[in-house]
Amino acid sequence: MKTKFLTLFIAFFIASIAYSQSGLNNYKYVIVPKTYDFLKENDQYQLNSLTKFLFEKYGFQTLFEGEDYPEDLTTNRCLALKSNVKKDSGLFKTKLTVQLKDCNDKLVFISEVGESREKEYKVAYNLALRDAFKSFETINYEYKPTGEVATSKKPDTAVKSEVTQEIQQLKQEIQELKKEKEAEVAEIKEEIVETPVKSETKPVKEVEQTSENIIEGSSNILYAQEIEQGFQLVDSSPKVVYRIKNTNLKDVFLVENTSAIIYKKGDDWILEFYSGNTLNQEILNIKF
């Protein structure tokens, strides 16, 4: 009976390893966060850098969260797994586990608990993390693309068509507002010409057409934080000021829930929008 139970246990263990290996092989990248929930600073005790190093040791292509991603990952975020390190409670031990989740926040892999009895945090975290990563020794990771992950993105033609349609609609709205403004200015000019001016009154100054107001942006810096399909721009509070979406055009973004766009002109970022019938341009100080 014991022999039969041991045989079943070994078979189950081998099957679990094979499933973990095949599941991880479907993903091309691993994204490492810049900080962990149980620490107060970015890369404190160099734990995040050590995580990246250990993933690369076991064959994974690893990126820090928020850095410039490769083109295929920018197009399809489901090519990457998001890594995290969790700290378990322990009175005399430091216990860490490594987790990997897919683009839908579904847990794909969790390591065995890594432990250390060292009292100094830097040493304890280092040893516990290395111990947890021993779970990857039997994985033998090798990226093998599959249709399941590859089809999780929209076709390039569909994305391009959707973005183009949004931009065309926005351009059409801007053109219609310009025409309305020009018609109003022309009507005012006609009224000025037809109205007789008395000699004792001062001449009426002709109304000048103003189609654009350029507003100098404040010196407040907006920090770009990456979100799905674009960025959110936050101030130092931090407070979310704008949410912007990627387009098919370089350095051109659609502002969420408004008929406005943000684009780069020279070294400046310009927010362009209508206030009434006036097209405004505001210079923003954005740090990506």
Protein backbone atom coordinates (compact mmCIF):
# COMPACT_ATOMS: atom_id res chain seq x y z
CA MET A 1 0.00 0.00 0.00
CA LYS A 2 2.83 2.37 0.92
CA THR A 3 4.64 1.54 -2.30
CA LYS A 4 1.51 2.30 -4.34
CA PHE A 5 1.00 5.63 -2.55
CA LEU A 6 4.66 6.58 -3.08
CA THR A 7 4.38 5.74 -6.79
CA LEU A 8 1.26 7.92 -7.17
CA PHE A 9 2.94 10.77 -5.31
CA ILE A 10 6.03 10.65 -7.55
CA ALA A 11 3.82 10.53 -10.68
CA PHE A 12 1.83 13.53 -9.46
CA PHE A 13 5.04 15.44 -8.68
CA ILE A 14 6.49 14.76 -12.15
CA ALA A 15 3.21 15.79 -13.80
CA SER A 16 3.18 19.06 -11.80
CA ILE A 17 6.73 19.86 -12.91
CA ALA A 18 5.87 19.10 -16.54
CA TYR A 19 2.76 21.32 -16.37
CA SER A 20 4.71 24.21 -14.78
CA GLN A 21 7.43 23.90 -17.40
CA SER A 22 5.05 23.83 -20.36
CA GLY A 23 2.95 26.67 -18.90
CA LEU A 24 5.93 28.99 -18.35
CA ASN A 25 7.39 28.18 -21.76
CA ASN A 26 4.44 29.97 -23.37
CA TYR A 27 5.65 33.36 -22.09
CA LYS A 28 8.54 35.34 -23.55
CA TYR A 29 9.21 37.91 -20.82
CA VAL A 30 9.09 38.37 -17.05
CA ILE A 31 8.43 41.85 -15.63
CA VAL A 32 9.97 42.63 -12.24
CA PRO A 33 8.46 45.43 -10.10
CA LYS A 34 10.68 48.20 -8.76
CA THR A 35 9.56 47.59 -5.17
CA TYR A 36 7.72 45.01 -3.07
CA ASP A 37 4.80 45.52 -0.70
CA PHE A 38 6.78 44.52 2.37
CA LEU A 39 9.55 47.05 1.66
CA LYS A 40 9.44 50.86 1.78
CA GLU A 41 11.85 51.86 -1.02
CA ASN A 42 12.52 50.95 -4.64
CA ASP A 43 15.00 48.08 -4.88
CA GLN A 44 15.56 48.13 -1.12
CA TYR A 45 18.38 45.74 -0.11
CA GLN A 46 18.84 45.29 -3.91
CA LEU A 47 16.11 42.64 -3.69
CA ASN A 48 14.44 43.63 -6.97
CA SER A 49 17.77 43.63 -8.81
CA LEU A 50 18.51 40.21 -7.34
CA THR A 51 15.10 38.96 -8.54
CA LYS A 52 15.90 40.12 -12.09
CA PHE A 53 19.34 38.51 -11.92
CA LEU A 54 17.97 35.15 -10.73
CA PHE A 55 15.25 35.05 -13.42
CA GLU A 56 17.93 35.69 -16.05
CA LYS A 57 20.08 32.97 -14.47
CA TYR A 58 17.30 30.49 -15.22
CA GLY A 59 16.91 31.64 -18.84
CA PHE A 60 14.10 34.23 -18.67
CA GLN A 61 14.15 37.54 -20.59
CA THR A 62 13.56 39.99 -17.75
CA LEU A 63 12.50 43.65 -17.70
CA PHE A 64 11.94 46.16 -14.94
CA GLU A 65 8.39 47.50 -14.71
CA GLY A 66 8.01 50.83 -16.54
CA GLU A 67 11.17 50.65 -18.68
CA ASP A 68 11.07 50.75 -22.48
CA TYR A 69 9.48 47.48 -23.57
CA PRO A 70 10.26 45.63 -26.84
CA GLU A 71 7.86 46.28 -29.72
CA ASP A 72 6.20 42.86 -29.53
CA LEU A 73 5.53 43.28 -25.80
CA THR A 74 4.13 46.79 -26.32
CA THR A 75 1.73 45.33 -28.88
CA ASN A 76 0.83 42.27 -26.82
CA ARG A 77 1.25 42.56 -23.03
CA CYS A 78 0.19 38.93 -22.64
CA LEU A 79 3.64 37.83 -23.80
CA ALA A 80 4.92 38.69 -20.32
CA LEU A 81 4.41 37.34 -16.83
CA LYS A 82 4.32 39.77 -13.90
CA SER A 83 6.54 38.64 -11.04
CA ASN A 84 6.12 39.36 -7.36
CA VAL A 85 7.77 38.31 -4.12
CA LYS A 86 5.58 37.70 -1.08
CA LYS A 87 6.77 37.65 2.52
CA ASP A 88 5.22 35.05 4.83
CA SER A 89 4.94 35.61 8.55
CA GLY A 90 7.57 33.88 10.65
CA LEU A 91 8.83 34.52 14.17
CA PHE A 92 12.39 33.31 13.79
CA LYS A 93 12.63 32.89 10.02
CA THR A 94 12.43 35.12 6.97
CA LYS A 95 10.13 33.39 4.47
CA LEU A 96 9.73 34.46 0.83
CA THR A 97 7.85 33.02 -2.15
CA VAL A 98 8.06 33.99 -5.83
CA GLN A 99 4.83 34.37 -7.79
CA LEU A 100 4.17 34.74 -11.52
CA LYS A 101 0.86 36.05 -12.89
CA ASP A 102 -0.34 36.46 -16.49
CA CYS A 103 -1.78 39.61 -18.12
CA ASN A 104 -5.21 38.79 -16.66
CA ASP A 105 -3.76 38.66 -13.11
CA LYS A 106 -4.18 34.87 -13.00
CA LEU A 107 -1.60 33.03 -10.91
CA VAL A 108 0.52 30.86 -13.22
CA PHE A 109 3.33 29.75 -10.92
CA ILE A 110 4.28 29.94 -7.23
CA SER A 111 7.60 28.77 -5.85
CA GLU A 112 8.36 26.80 -2.76
CA VAL A 113 8.92 28.91 0.38
CA GLY A 114 12.49 30.15 0.68
CA GLU A 115 13.75 30.52 4.24
CA SER A 116 16.57 32.12 6.20
CA ARG A 117 17.33 32.39 9.93
CA GLU A 118 19.67 35.36 9.52
CA LYS A 119 18.77 38.38 11.65
CA GLU A 120 20.14 41.10 9.34
CA TYR A 121 17.43 41.98 6.79
CA LYS A 122 19.69 42.35 3.76
CA VAL A 123 21.33 38.98 4.29
CA ALA A 124 18.09 37.23 5.28
CA TYR A 125 16.13 38.49 2.26
CA ASN A 126 19.00 37.60 -0.08
CA LEU A 127 19.30 34.04 1.20
CA ALA A 128 15.52 33.44 1.39
CA LEU A 129 15.01 34.66 -2.18
CA ARG A 130 17.80 32.46 -3.52
CA ASP A 131 16.28 29.53 -1.65
CA ALA A 132 12.83 30.23 -3.20
CA PHE A 133 14.36 30.36 -6.70
CA LYS A 134 15.56 26.78 -6.33
CA SER A 135 12.04 25.88 -7.50
CA PHE A 136 13.10 27.00 -11.01
CA GLU A 137 16.02 24.56 -11.18
CA THR A 138 13.75 21.75 -12.42
CA ILE A 139 11.69 23.93 -14.78
CA ASN A 140 14.25 24.06 -17.63
CA TYR A 141 12.50 27.10 -19.08
CA GLU A 142 12.67 27.68 -22.84
CA TYR A 143 10.32 30.09 -24.63
CA LYS A 144 8.03 28.33 -27.09
CA PRO A 145 5.32 30.60 -28.57
CA THR A 146 1.82 29.16 -28.76
CA GLY A 147 -1.39 30.25 -30.43
CA GLU A 148 -3.10 30.66 -27.05
CA VAL A 149 -0.92 33.57 -25.94
CA ALA A 150 -0.41 35.00 -29.43
CA THR A 151 -4.15 35.38 -30.06
CA SER A 152 -4.72 37.32 -26.87
CA LYS A 153 -4.03 40.60 -28.71
CA LYS A 154 -6.11 42.35 -31.32
CA PRO A 155 -4.92 41.94 -34.89
CA ASP A 156 -2.63 44.79 -35.94
CA THR A 157 -5.05 45.81 -38.68
CA ALA A 158 -7.94 46.04 -36.22
CA VAL A 159 -5.93 48.17 -33.78
CA LYS A 160 -4.75 50.45 -36.57
CA SER A 161 -8.28 50.83 -37.93
CA GLU A 162 -9.70 51.66 -34.50
CA VAL A 163 -7.05 54.30 -33.76
CA THR A 164 -7.36 55.82 -37.23
CA GLN A 165 -11.13 56.08 -36.84
CA GLU A 166 -10.80 57.89 -33.50
CA ILE A 167 -8.26 60.36 -34.91
CA GLN A 168 -10.38 61.03 -38.01
CA GLN A 169 -13.44 61.67 -35.84
CA LEU A 170 -11.48 64.08 -33.65
CA LYS A 171 -10.11 65.92 -36.70
CA GLN A 172 -13.62 66.23 -38.11
CA GLU A 173 -14.90 67.75 -34.87
CA ILE A 174 -12.02 70.26 -34.86
CA GLN A 175 -12.72 71.26 -38.48
CA GLU A 176 -16.43 71.78 -37.76
CA LEU A 177 -15.65 73.99 -34.77
CA LYS A 178 -13.20 76.01 -36.88
CA LYS A 179 -15.87 76.59 -39.52
CA GLU A 180 -18.36 77.74 -36.88
CA LYS A 181 -15.77 80.16 -35.47
CA GLU A 182 -14.96 81.57 -38.91
CA ALA A 183 -18.68 82.08 -39.61
CA GLU A 184 -19.13 83.98 -36.32
CA VAL A 185 -16.13 86.23 -37.05
CA ALA A 186 -17.42 86.98 -40.56
CA GLU A 187 -20.84 87.89 -39.16
CA ILE A 188 -19.29 90.30 -36.63
CA LYS A 189 -17.23 91.97 -39.38
CA GLU A 190 -20.38 92.52 -41.46
CA GLU A 191 -22.13 94.16 -38.52
CA ILE A 192 -19.16 96.49 -37.94
CA VAL A 193 -19.09 97.58 -41.63
CA GLU A 194 -22.85 98.20 -41.77
CA THR A 195 -23.01 100.18 -38.51
CA PRO A 196 -22.49 103.98 -39.12
CA VAL A 197 -19.81 105.54 -36.94
CA LYS A 198 -20.40 109.08 -35.57
CA SER A 199 -17.54 111.57 -35.89
CA GLU A 200 -17.43 112.26 -32.14
CA THR A 201 -17.05 108.58 -31.30
CA LYS A 202 -13.86 106.65 -31.43
CA PRO A 203 -13.41 104.34 -34.43
CA VAL A 204 -14.54 100.82 -33.82
CA LYS A 205 -11.59 98.49 -33.87
CA GLU A 206 -12.03 95.64 -36.28
CA VAL A 207 -12.47 92.31 -34.56
CA GLU A 208 -9.56 90.02 -35.29
CA GLN A 209 -10.11 86.32 -35.84
CA THR A 210 -8.54 84.20 -33.15
CA SER A 211 -8.60 80.53 -33.92
CA GLU A 212 -6.05 79.42 -31.37
CA ASN A 213 -5.06 80.49 -27.87
CA ILE A 214 -1.66 79.30 -26.72
CA ILE A 215 -1.53 78.98 -22.96
CA GLU A 216 1.83 78.69 -21.25
CA GLY A 217 1.75 75.56 -19.13
CA SER A 218 2.50 75.68 -15.41
CA SER A 219 5.87 74.63 -14.08
CA ASN A 220 4.23 71.72 -12.26
CA ILE A 221 5.61 68.46 -13.50
CA LEU A 222 3.24 65.66 -14.55
CA TYR A 223 4.65 62.18 -14.19
CA ALA A 224 3.60 59.53 -16.73
CA GLN A 225 2.67 56.20 -15.16
CA GLU A 226 2.03 53.34 -17.53
CA ILE A 227 -1.48 51.83 -17.57
CA GLU A 228 -3.26 49.55 -19.98
CA GLN A 229 -3.38 51.10 -23.50
CA GLY A 230 -1.53 54.26 -22.41
CA PHE A 231 -0.50 56.34 -19.41
CA GLN A 232 -1.95 58.27 -16.49
CA LEU A 233 -0.41 61.69 -15.78
CA VAL A 234 -0.11 62.49 -12.07
CA ASP A 235 1.13 65.53 -10.18
CA SER A 236 3.29 65.49 -7.04
CA SER A 237 0.26 64.96 -4.74
CA PRO A 238 0.01 62.38 -6.36
CA LYS A 239 -3.28 63.12 -8.14
CA VAL A 240 -4.34 61.77 -11.55
CA VAL A 241 -4.70 64.80 -13.84
CA TYR A 242 -5.19 63.07 -17.21
CA ARG A 243 -5.50 59.57 -18.58
CA ILE A 244 -4.18 59.29 -22.12
CA LYS A 245 -4.44 56.49 -24.67
CA ASN A 246 -1.88 55.34 -27.22
CA THR A 247 -2.52 55.96 -30.92
CA ASN A 248 -0.91 54.59 -34.05
CA LEU A 249 0.99 57.89 -34.40
CA LYS A 250 4.27 58.50 -32.63
CA ASP A 251 4.02 60.89 -29.64
CA VAL A 252 0.27 61.45 -30.16
CA PHE A 253 -2.22 60.50 -27.42
CA LEU A 254 -6.00 60.74 -27.00
CA VAL A 255 -7.17 62.24 -23.70
CA GLU A 256 -9.69 59.93 -22.06
CA ASN A 257 -13.32 61.18 -21.79
CA THR A 258 -12.57 64.47 -23.64
CA SER A 259 -12.25 65.71 -27.22
CA ALA A 260 -8.61 66.58 -26.70
CA ILE A 261 -5.23 65.30 -27.78
CA ILE A 262 -1.69 65.50 -26.39
CA TYR A 263 1.22 65.49 -28.82
CA LYS A 264 4.89 66.38 -28.90
CA LYS A 265 5.99 69.52 -30.75
CA GLY A 266 9.74 70.05 -30.69
CA ASP A 267 10.76 69.59 -27.06
CA ASP A 268 7.30 70.48 -25.70
CA TRP A 269 4.19 68.43 -25.00
CA ILE A 270 1.03 70.21 -26.20
CA LEU A 271 -2.51 69.69 -24.91
CA GLU A 272 -4.94 70.78 -27.65
CA PHE A 273 -8.64 71.22 -26.91
CA TYR A 274 -11.65 73.47 -27.54
CA SER A 275 -13.09 75.87 -24.98
CA GLY A 276 -16.38 76.97 -26.51
CA ASN A 277 -15.44 77.77 -30.09
CA THR A 278 -11.82 78.59 -29.32
CA LEU A 279 -9.09 76.09 -30.03
CA ASN A 280 -6.62 76.17 -27.13
CA GLN A 281 -3.10 74.85 -26.87
CA GLU A 282 -1.53 74.32 -23.46
CA ILE A 283 2.12 73.45 -22.95
CA LEU A 284 2.55 70.61 -20.42
CA ASN A 285 5.66 69.58 -18.50
CA ILE A 286 5.51 65.78 -18.73
CA LYS A 287 8.15 63.37 -17.53
CA PHE A 288 7.97 59.88 -19.07
